[in-house]
Structure formats: structure tokens, C-alpha cells
Amino acid sequence: MDKNMKKTLTALALGSTLMSTAVITSAAELTDSFDVLLNLQSSCTLDSTTDLDFGDQTDADVVAGNIDAANSVTVTCSNGADFTIGLTNGANFGDGPVATERAMKSANASYVSYQIFQDSGRTTAWTDTDDVAFNGTGASQNIDIYGRIPAQTPTIDAADTFNATGLALTDTVTVTLTY
């Protein structure tokens, strides 16, 4: 091998080494980051309602009045979530003996008025304009509702007759959960 060829091969070898070294040393590492986001909203569920059942009563019991019953609405709302419960006045409001009260009605036109209260002492009425405020706990909560049939003479329609099971009177109240 002649001297020029040896120089060329050495130069090529050295250049090749320098090029591979330059590639390795010229590599760059870039970094950035991103946020992981969540806007967690409160939630509520209206889990169940029970009937406000005054049971079996005689017309004499209704005349004497103050027949009490209670039921509950069960809700689950996020811990710390504010919510309200509202009740309508019922499907038969104003149809009974007192035009400003809820009424249970027969299939015809027999009526007995009743009232709904927010407290067990039955001192604070619950009307359709009352949205009662509560605070969620994250667990199931029972919201108690208290009913009373005040003293009155039942209105009995001529088309209704008492049979062995009595005379069924009903009303439907709608519950609204707002959060």
C-alpha cells in the first residue's frame, strides 16, 4: 500500500469516527408537559319516595280530625352539595271542602282535605311555593314529610258508596329535587 493510499484510508477512518461522534453528541432531548384536568360537578339522585298513607279511618275519625301520617323522600347528593326539595300541591288542590288545601279524592267527587308539613310538630306547612333547602352528605338521606287530616266533615258524592273495603281516596303529589 502506498503512502497516499494509507493517508486516504486513515483520513476516511478518522472522518468516519468524527462523523459518528458528531451525530451522537449533536442529539437533543426536548421535553414539555401537559395538565390533566377535571371539573367535578356535584350530583344528586332522587332514590325513592314512599306513600303518605293515612291508613284505614272512619268518617267519625275524620270529623274528629288530626289524623297524622308521615313518609319520606330518599336522596343522595354529593358531600357539601346544596339542594332543595319541592312538593306540588297535588292533583286535587282546591277541589275539596277547603279551596286552599290539598285534597284526596274518590273516583267520583268525594273529598277529604289534608295538609303537608316540614316538621313533626306540624307547625310549618309545605306548599308548592316552598323549596326546602338541604345539604348533601355524600350518603343516602331521608327527607321526612309529615301529613295531617284536620277535623272536617268528609264530602261524600252521591255516586260513591261505602263497601266492605271502604271508599278509596287518593291524591298525587310530585316531588322536585333541584341542585
C-alpha atoms as a PDB file:
ATOM      1  CA  MET A   1       0.000   0.000   0.000  1.00  0.00           C
ATOM      2  CA  ASP A   2       1.458   3.257  -0.938  1.00  0.00           C
ATOM      3  CA  LYS A   3       1.772   6.235   1.288  1.00  0.00           C
ATOM      4  CA  ASN A   4      -1.035   8.261  -0.336  1.00  0.00           C
ATOM      5  CA  MET A   5      -3.460   5.402  -0.074  1.00  0.00           C
ATOM      6  CA  LYS A   6      -2.557   4.926   3.596  1.00  0.00           C
ATOM      7  CA  LYS A   7      -3.206   8.624   4.266  1.00  0.00           C
ATOM      8  CA  THR A   8      -6.572   8.432   2.474  1.00  0.00           C
ATOM      9  CA  LEU A   9      -7.687   5.380   4.462  1.00  0.00           C
ATOM     10  CA  THR A  10      -6.573   6.972   7.730  1.00  0.00           C
ATOM     11  CA  ALA A  11      -8.416  10.172   6.826  1.00  0.00           C
ATOM     12  CA  LEU A  12     -11.552   8.205   5.951  1.00  0.00           C
ATOM     13  CA  ALA A  13     -11.396   6.244   9.190  1.00  0.00           C
ATOM     14  CA  LEU A  14     -10.812   9.371  11.216  1.00  0.00           C
ATOM     15  CA  GLY A  15     -13.621  11.230   9.373  1.00  0.00           C
ATOM     16  CA  SER A  16     -15.997   8.346   9.911  1.00  0.00           C
ATOM     17  CA  THR A  17     -15.224   8.344  13.635  1.00  0.00           C
ATOM     18  CA  LEU A  18     -15.669  12.088  13.847  1.00  0.00           C
ATOM     19  CA  MET A  19     -18.976  11.931  11.958  1.00  0.00           C
ATOM     20  CA  SER A  20     -20.435   9.241  14.219  1.00  0.00           C
ATOM     21  CA  THR A  21     -19.214  11.132  17.275  1.00  0.00           C
ATOM     22  CA  ALA A  22     -20.743  14.334  15.931  1.00  0.00           C
ATOM     23  CA  VAL A  23     -24.130  12.603  15.432  1.00  0.00           C
ATOM     24  CA  ILE A  24     -24.152  11.241  18.971  1.00  0.00           C
ATOM     25  CA  THR A  25     -23.049  14.483  20.577  1.00  0.00           C
ATOM     26  CA  SER A  26     -25.424  16.582  18.479  1.00  0.00           C
ATOM     27  CA  ALA A  27     -28.595  14.635  19.559  1.00  0.00           C
ATOM     28  CA  ALA A  28     -31.008  16.876  21.530  1.00  0.00           C
ATOM     29  CA  GLU A  29     -33.690  15.970  24.042  1.00  0.00           C
ATOM     30  CA  LEU A  30     -36.752  18.181  24.197  1.00  0.00           C
ATOM     31  CA  THR A  31     -39.421  17.982  26.908  1.00  0.00           C
ATOM     32  CA  ASP A  32     -42.771  19.566  27.531  1.00  0.00           C
ATOM     33  CA  SER A  33     -45.675  18.780  29.842  1.00  0.00           C
ATOM     34  CA  PHE A  34     -49.463  18.841  29.852  1.00  0.00           C
ATOM     35  CA  ASP A  35     -52.084  19.191  32.574  1.00  0.00           C
ATOM     36  CA  VAL A  36     -54.644  16.543  33.399  1.00  0.00           C
ATOM     37  CA  LEU A  37     -57.946  18.328  34.081  1.00  0.00           C
ATOM     38  CA  LEU A  38     -61.353  17.526  35.529  1.00  0.00           C
ATOM     39  CA  ASN A  39     -64.109  19.881  36.587  1.00  0.00           C
ATOM     40  CA  LEU A  40     -66.017  17.682  39.022  1.00  0.00           C
ATOM     41  CA  GLN A  41     -69.662  18.665  39.363  1.00  0.00           C
ATOM     42  CA  SER A  42     -71.935  17.788  42.256  1.00  0.00           C
ATOM     43  CA  SER A  43     -74.667  15.273  41.604  1.00  0.00           C
ATOM     44  CA  CYS A  44     -77.899  14.194  43.223  1.00  0.00           C
ATOM     45  CA  THR A  45     -80.260  11.289  42.755  1.00  0.00           C
ATOM     46  CA  LEU A  46     -83.862  11.001  43.873  1.00  0.00           C
ATOM     47  CA  ASP A  47     -83.585   7.441  45.137  1.00  0.00           C
ATOM     48  CA  SER A  48     -87.122   6.729  46.330  1.00  0.00           C
ATOM     49  CA  THR A  49     -90.356   8.070  47.713  1.00  0.00           C
ATOM     50  CA  THR A  50     -92.876   6.404  49.979  1.00  0.00           C
ATOM     51  CA  ASP A  51     -96.621   6.955  50.075  1.00  0.00           C
ATOM     52  CA  LEU A  52     -98.152   9.287  52.632  1.00  0.00           C
ATOM     53  CA  ASP A  53    -100.655   6.708  53.899  1.00  0.00           C
ATOM     54  CA  PHE A  54    -103.273   7.755  56.442  1.00  0.00           C
ATOM     55  CA  GLY A  55    -104.438   4.133  56.619  1.00  0.00           C
ATOM     56  CA  ASP A  56    -107.982   2.997  57.376  1.00  0.00           C
ATOM     57  CA  GLN A  57    -110.066   5.696  59.066  1.00  0.00           C
ATOM     58  CA  THR A  58    -113.773   6.080  59.710  1.00  0.00           C
ATOM     59  CA  ASP A  59    -115.753   9.148  58.782  1.00  0.00           C
ATOM     60  CA  ALA A  60    -116.060   9.786  62.554  1.00  0.00           C
ATOM     61  CA  ASP A  61    -112.231   9.806  62.779  1.00  0.00           C
ATOM     62  CA  VAL A  62    -112.091  12.435  60.025  1.00  0.00           C
ATOM     63  CA  VAL A  63    -114.711  14.559  61.783  1.00  0.00           C
ATOM     64  CA  ALA A  64    -112.601  14.390  64.962  1.00  0.00           C
ATOM     65  CA  GLY A  65    -109.510  15.294  62.936  1.00  0.00           C
ATOM     66  CA  ASN A  66    -105.777  15.494  63.487  1.00  0.00           C
ATOM     67  CA  ILE A  67    -105.071  12.171  61.818  1.00  0.00           C
ATOM     68  CA  ASP A  68    -101.313  12.128  61.289  1.00  0.00           C
ATOM     69  CA  ALA A  69     -99.077  10.212  58.884  1.00  0.00           C
ATOM     70  CA  ALA A  70     -95.518  10.569  57.662  1.00  0.00           C
ATOM     71  CA  ASN A  71     -93.457   9.464  54.708  1.00  0.00           C
ATOM     72  CA  SER A  72     -90.021  10.187  53.317  1.00  0.00           C
ATOM     73  CA  VAL A  73     -88.135  11.026  50.178  1.00  0.00           C
ATOM     74  CA  THR A  74     -84.679   9.463  49.929  1.00  0.00           C
ATOM     75  CA  VAL A  75     -81.962  11.362  48.082  1.00  0.00           C
ATOM     76  CA  THR A  76     -78.225  11.015  47.627  1.00  0.00           C
ATOM     77  CA  CYS A  77     -76.292  14.216  46.911  1.00  0.00           C
ATOM     78  CA  SER A  78     -72.573  14.920  46.775  1.00  0.00           C
ATOM     79  CA  ASN A  79     -70.975  15.870  50.074  1.00  0.00           C
ATOM     80  CA  GLY A  80     -71.497  19.607  50.560  1.00  0.00           C
ATOM     81  CA  ALA A  81     -73.890  19.979  47.615  1.00  0.00           C
ATOM     82  CA  ASP A  82     -76.780  22.323  48.278  1.00  0.00           C
ATOM     83  CA  PHE A  83     -80.152  21.028  47.116  1.00  0.00           C
ATOM     84  CA  THR A  84     -83.841  21.731  47.586  1.00  0.00           C
ATOM     85  CA  ILE A  85     -86.938  19.565  47.731  1.00  0.00           C
ATOM     86  CA  GLY A  86     -90.193  20.988  46.418  1.00  0.00           C
ATOM     87  CA  LEU A  87     -93.665  19.431  46.551  1.00  0.00           C
ATOM     88  CA  THR A  88     -96.623  20.289  44.360  1.00  0.00           C
ATOM     89  CA  ASN A  89     -99.959  20.993  45.986  1.00  0.00           C
ATOM     90  CA  GLY A  90    -101.281  17.778  44.468  1.00  0.00           C
ATOM     91  CA  ALA A  91    -103.562  16.938  41.584  1.00  0.00           C
ATOM     92  CA  ASN A  92    -106.742  17.771  43.527  1.00  0.00           C
ATOM     93  CA  PHE A  93    -105.669  21.050  45.136  1.00  0.00           C
ATOM     94  CA  GLY A  94    -108.637  23.303  45.785  1.00  0.00           C
ATOM     95  CA  ASP A  95    -111.174  20.675  44.749  1.00  0.00           C
ATOM     96  CA  GLY A  96    -112.054  19.579  48.277  1.00  0.00           C
ATOM     97  CA  PRO A  97    -114.078  21.156  51.041  1.00  0.00           C
ATOM     98  CA  VAL A  98    -111.466  23.911  51.500  1.00  0.00           C
ATOM     99  CA  ALA A  99    -110.416  25.659  48.295  1.00  0.00           C
ATOM    100  CA  THR A 100    -106.932  26.424  49.628  1.00  0.00           C
ATOM    101  CA  GLU A 101    -105.986  22.901  50.720  1.00  0.00           C
ATOM    102  CA  ARG A 102    -104.810  19.678  49.221  1.00  0.00           C
ATOM    103  CA  ALA A 103    -107.498  17.036  48.885  1.00  0.00           C
ATOM    104  CA  MET A 104    -107.719  13.287  48.459  1.00  0.00           C
ATOM    105  CA  LYS A 105    -110.477  12.388  46.010  1.00  0.00           C
ATOM    106  CA  SER A 106    -112.501   9.306  45.077  1.00  0.00           C
ATOM    107  CA  ALA A 107    -113.087   8.193  41.507  1.00  0.00           C
ATOM    108  CA  ASN A 108    -116.199  10.370  41.643  1.00  0.00           C
ATOM    109  CA  ALA A 109    -116.225  13.533  43.736  1.00  0.00           C
ATOM    110  CA  SER A 110    -115.835  12.509  47.369  1.00  0.00           C
ATOM    111  CA  TYR A 111    -113.132  14.521  49.146  1.00  0.00           C
ATOM    112  CA  VAL A 112    -111.133  14.784  52.340  1.00  0.00           C
ATOM    113  CA  SER A 113    -108.684  17.663  52.755  1.00  0.00           C
ATOM    114  CA  TYR A 114    -105.183  17.156  54.128  1.00  0.00           C
ATOM    115  CA  GLN A 115    -102.075  19.183  54.780  1.00  0.00           C
ATOM    116  CA  ILE A 116     -98.336  18.538  54.439  1.00  0.00           C
ATOM    117  CA  PHE A 117     -95.766  19.909  56.873  1.00  0.00           C
ATOM    118  CA  GLN A 118     -91.998  20.264  57.030  1.00  0.00           C
ATOM    119  CA  ASP A 119     -91.739  19.379  60.728  1.00  0.00           C
ATOM    120  CA  SER A 120     -93.001  16.617  63.003  1.00  0.00           C
ATOM    121  CA  GLY A 121     -94.817  19.174  65.180  1.00  0.00           C
ATOM    122  CA  ARG A 122     -96.814  20.070  62.081  1.00  0.00           C
ATOM    123  CA  THR A 123     -96.317  23.791  62.545  1.00  0.00           C
ATOM    124  CA  THR A 124     -94.655  24.709  59.217  1.00  0.00           C
ATOM    125  CA  ALA A 125     -96.816  23.930  56.196  1.00  0.00           C
ATOM    126  CA  TRP A 126     -95.157  22.741  52.991  1.00  0.00           C
ATOM    127  CA  THR A 127     -96.769  24.405  49.975  1.00  0.00           C
ATOM    128  CA  ASP A 128     -95.916  24.288  46.311  1.00  0.00           C
ATOM    129  CA  THR A 129     -94.008  27.563  46.666  1.00  0.00           C
ATOM    130  CA  ASP A 130     -91.718  26.133  49.360  1.00  0.00           C
ATOM    131  CA  ASP A 131     -88.454  24.679  48.158  1.00  0.00           C
ATOM    132  CA  VAL A 132     -86.902  23.429  51.378  1.00  0.00           C
ATOM    133  CA  ALA A 133     -83.084  23.628  51.454  1.00  0.00           C
ATOM    134  CA  PHE A 134     -80.786  20.786  52.482  1.00  0.00           C
ATOM    135  CA  ASN A 135     -77.078  19.999  52.283  1.00  0.00           C
ATOM    136  CA  GLY A 136     -75.745  16.768  50.773  1.00  0.00           C
ATOM    137  CA  THR A 137     -73.596  14.389  52.776  1.00  0.00           C
ATOM    138  CA  GLY A 138     -72.482  12.045  50.015  1.00  0.00           C
ATOM    139  CA  ALA A 139     -74.657   9.342  51.598  1.00  0.00           C
ATOM    140  CA  SER A 140     -78.332   8.480  51.302  1.00  0.00           C
ATOM    141  CA  GLN A 141     -80.524  10.955  53.211  1.00  0.00           C
ATOM    142  CA  ASN A 142     -84.168  10.563  54.224  1.00  0.00           C
ATOM    143  CA  ILE A 143     -86.182  13.761  53.980  1.00  0.00           C
ATOM    144  CA  ASP A 144     -89.217  13.353  56.227  1.00  0.00           C
ATOM    145  CA  ILE A 145     -92.613  14.693  55.205  1.00  0.00           C
ATOM    146  CA  TYR A 146     -95.468  14.983  57.694  1.00  0.00           C
ATOM    147  CA  GLY A 147     -99.153  14.861  56.825  1.00  0.00           C
ATOM    148  CA  ARG A 148    -102.298  15.668  58.747  1.00  0.00           C
ATOM    149  CA  ILE A 149    -106.004  15.384  58.079  1.00  0.00           C
ATOM    150  CA  PRO A 150    -107.566  18.275  60.006  1.00  0.00           C
ATOM    151  CA  ALA A 151    -111.033  17.986  61.569  1.00  0.00           C
ATOM    152  CA  GLN A 152    -113.693  18.182  58.855  1.00  0.00           C
ATOM    153  CA  THR A 153    -116.822  16.571  57.558  1.00  0.00           C
ATOM    154  CA  PRO A 154    -115.910  14.410  54.563  1.00  0.00           C
ATOM    155  CA  THR A 155    -117.618  15.335  51.297  1.00  0.00           C
ATOM    156  CA  ILE A 156    -119.278  12.162  50.018  1.00  0.00           C
ATOM    157  CA  ASP A 157    -120.518  12.149  46.437  1.00  0.00           C
ATOM    158  CA  ALA A 158    -123.928  10.545  45.843  1.00  0.00           C
ATOM    159  CA  ALA A 159    -122.331   8.214  43.273  1.00  0.00           C
ATOM    160  CA  ASP A 160    -119.963   6.808  45.918  1.00  0.00           C
ATOM    161  CA  THR A 161    -120.973   4.068  48.281  1.00  0.00           C
ATOM    162  CA  PHE A 162    -119.047   2.513  51.127  1.00  0.00           C
ATOM    163  CA  ASN A 163    -118.348  -1.142  50.512  1.00  0.00           C
ATOM    164  CA  ALA A 164    -116.581  -3.811  52.576  1.00  0.00           C
ATOM    165  CA  THR A 165    -113.162  -2.309  51.795  1.00  0.00           C
ATOM    166  CA  GLY A 166    -114.183   1.315  52.295  1.00  0.00           C
ATOM    167  CA  LEU A 167    -114.005   4.242  49.917  1.00  0.00           C
ATOM    168  CA  ALA A 168    -110.580   4.868  48.372  1.00  0.00           C
ATOM    169  CA  LEU A 169    -109.444   8.490  48.291  1.00  0.00           C
ATOM    170  CA  THR A 170    -106.148   9.476  46.644  1.00  0.00           C
ATOM    171  CA  ASP A 171    -104.072  12.408  45.506  1.00  0.00           C
ATOM    172  CA  THR A 172    -100.756  12.635  43.672  1.00  0.00           C
ATOM    173  CA  VAL A 173     -98.017  14.998  44.860  1.00  0.00           C
ATOM    174  CA  THR A 174     -94.946  15.484  42.675  1.00  0.00           C
ATOM    175  CA  VAL A 175     -91.508  15.789  44.298  1.00  0.00           C
ATOM    176  CA  THR A 176     -88.879  18.006  42.663  1.00  0.00           C
ATOM    177  CA  LEU A 177     -85.202  17.733  43.594  1.00  0.00           C
ATOM    178  CA  THR A 178     -83.173  20.752  42.475  1.00  0.00           C
ATOM    179  CA  TYR A 179     -79.397  21.013  42.855  1.00  0.00           C
END
